[in-house]
Protein backbone atom coordinates (compact mmCIF):
# COMPACT_ATOMS: atom_id res chain seq x y z
CA MET A 1 240.10 133.18 226.21
CA SER A 2 236.86 130.86 226.57
CA VAL A 3 234.67 130.35 223.76
CA LYS A 4 231.73 131.67 225.94
CA ILE A 5 233.92 135.18 226.39
CA ARG A 6 234.86 135.50 222.91
CA LYS A 7 231.13 134.65 221.70
CA SER A 8 230.02 136.99 224.77
CA LEU A 9 232.34 139.49 222.98
CA VAL A 10 231.28 139.15 219.42
CA ALA A 11 227.12 139.42 220.24
CA THR A 12 228.30 142.75 222.52
CA ALA A 13 229.97 143.56 218.62
CA LEU A 14 227.38 143.17 216.57
CA VAL A 15 224.70 144.76 219.14
CA GLY A 16 226.72 147.57 219.54
CA ALA A 17 227.41 147.95 215.61
CA PHE A 18 223.62 147.43 215.01
CA ALA A 19 222.32 149.89 217.27
CA SER A 20 224.95 152.73 216.32
CA SER A 21 224.33 152.20 212.54
CA ASN A 22 220.89 152.31 213.72
CA VAL A 23 222.19 156.38 216.05
CA ILE A 24 224.05 157.23 212.50
CA ALA A 25 220.94 156.04 210.26
CA ASP A 26 218.71 158.87 212.01
CA PRO A 27 220.97 161.83 210.89
CA LEU A 28 221.71 160.39 207.46
CA ASN A 29 218.17 160.49 206.69
CA ASP A 30 217.26 163.37 208.36
CA VAL A 31 220.40 165.03 206.24
CA GLN A 32 218.84 162.83 202.90
CA LYS A 33 215.26 164.52 203.64
CA ALA A 34 216.21 168.03 204.18
CA GLY A 35 218.67 167.29 200.74
CA GLN A 36 215.30 166.55 199.01
CA GLN A 37 213.47 169.32 200.04
CA ILE A 38 216.38 171.71 199.12
CA GLN A 39 215.79 170.01 195.87
CA LYS A 40 212.21 170.62 195.74
CA ALA A 41 212.37 174.40 196.67
CA ALA A 42 214.95 174.50 193.96
CA VAL A 43 212.81 173.45 191.61
CA LYS A 44 210.13 175.26 192.63
CA SER A 45 212.28 178.75 192.52
CA GLN A 46 213.76 177.61 188.68
CA THR A 47 210.27 177.04 187.72
CA LYS A 48 208.94 180.65 188.89
CA ILE A 49 212.03 181.93 187.30
CA ASP A 50 211.24 180.70 184.03
CA ASN A 51 208.02 182.15 184.14
CA VAL A 52 209.16 185.37 184.94
CA TYR A 53 211.49 185.41 182.27
CA GLY A 54 209.02 183.88 179.83
CA GLN A 55 206.63 187.27 181.14
CA THR A 56 209.24 189.35 180.77
CA GLN A 57 210.00 188.21 177.48
CA GLU A 58 206.75 188.74 176.23
CA LEU A 59 206.66 192.36 177.70
CA ILE A 60 210.04 192.84 176.00
CA ALA A 61 208.77 192.09 172.73
CA GLU A 62 204.94 194.12 173.14
CA TYR A 63 207.80 197.45 173.91
CA ARG A 64 209.56 196.52 170.85
CA SER A 65 206.63 196.54 168.80
CA VAL A 66 204.71 199.22 170.00
CA VAL A 67 208.32 201.49 169.94
CA ASP A 68 208.22 200.75 165.99
CA GLU A 69 204.69 201.89 165.45
CA THR A 70 205.64 205.04 167.13
CA GLU A 71 208.08 205.60 165.12
CA LEU A 72 206.04 204.87 162.12
CA MET A 73 203.09 206.92 162.91
CA LYS A 74 205.86 209.70 163.47
CA VAL A 75 206.52 209.28 160.09
CA TYR A 76 203.29 209.09 158.85
CA ASN A 77 202.24 212.49 161.04
CA ASP A 78 204.85 214.18 158.93
CA HIS A 79 203.68 213.01 155.97
CA VAL A 80 200.37 214.29 156.65
CA SER A 81 201.37 217.20 157.90
CA ARG A 82 203.35 218.16 154.80
CA LEU A 83 200.26 217.13 152.70
CA VAL A 84 198.33 219.42 154.36
CA ASP A 85 200.40 222.01 154.48
CA SER A 86 200.59 222.02 150.70
CA GLN A 87 196.85 221.59 150.33
CA ASN A 88 196.85 224.75 152.07
CA ALA A 89 198.92 226.43 149.73
CA SER A 90 196.73 225.72 146.80
CA ILE A 91 193.93 226.94 148.85
CA GLU A 92 195.76 229.82 149.39
CA SER A 93 196.96 230.19 145.34
CA PHE A 94 193.40 229.43 144.37
CA ASP A 95 191.77 232.08 146.45
CA ARG A 96 194.50 234.78 145.51
CA GLN A 97 193.23 233.43 141.57
CA ILE A 98 189.54 233.61 142.39
CA ALA A 99 190.00 237.28 143.55
CA THR A 100 191.91 238.70 140.88
């Protein structure tokens, strides 16, 4: 094989390699860009999830506080009810004593 033919083959091979690397590089770039978009969307979704979780925790704490307060109010109402009953009994006793 002559030197000219070898140089021509080498040149053709190099041009082919560069051309094919550009053709391969475009789909790889597209894949990388799609991966980056997916990553950004995942970060955005996780941020939303974190915000919703935080709000949920706040609502749970508020709910528990209201339940606790309700229980305390029931105990207080029972106490006041017994106190009123006792006072009514005292009033009836006084009324009977006055009548006699």
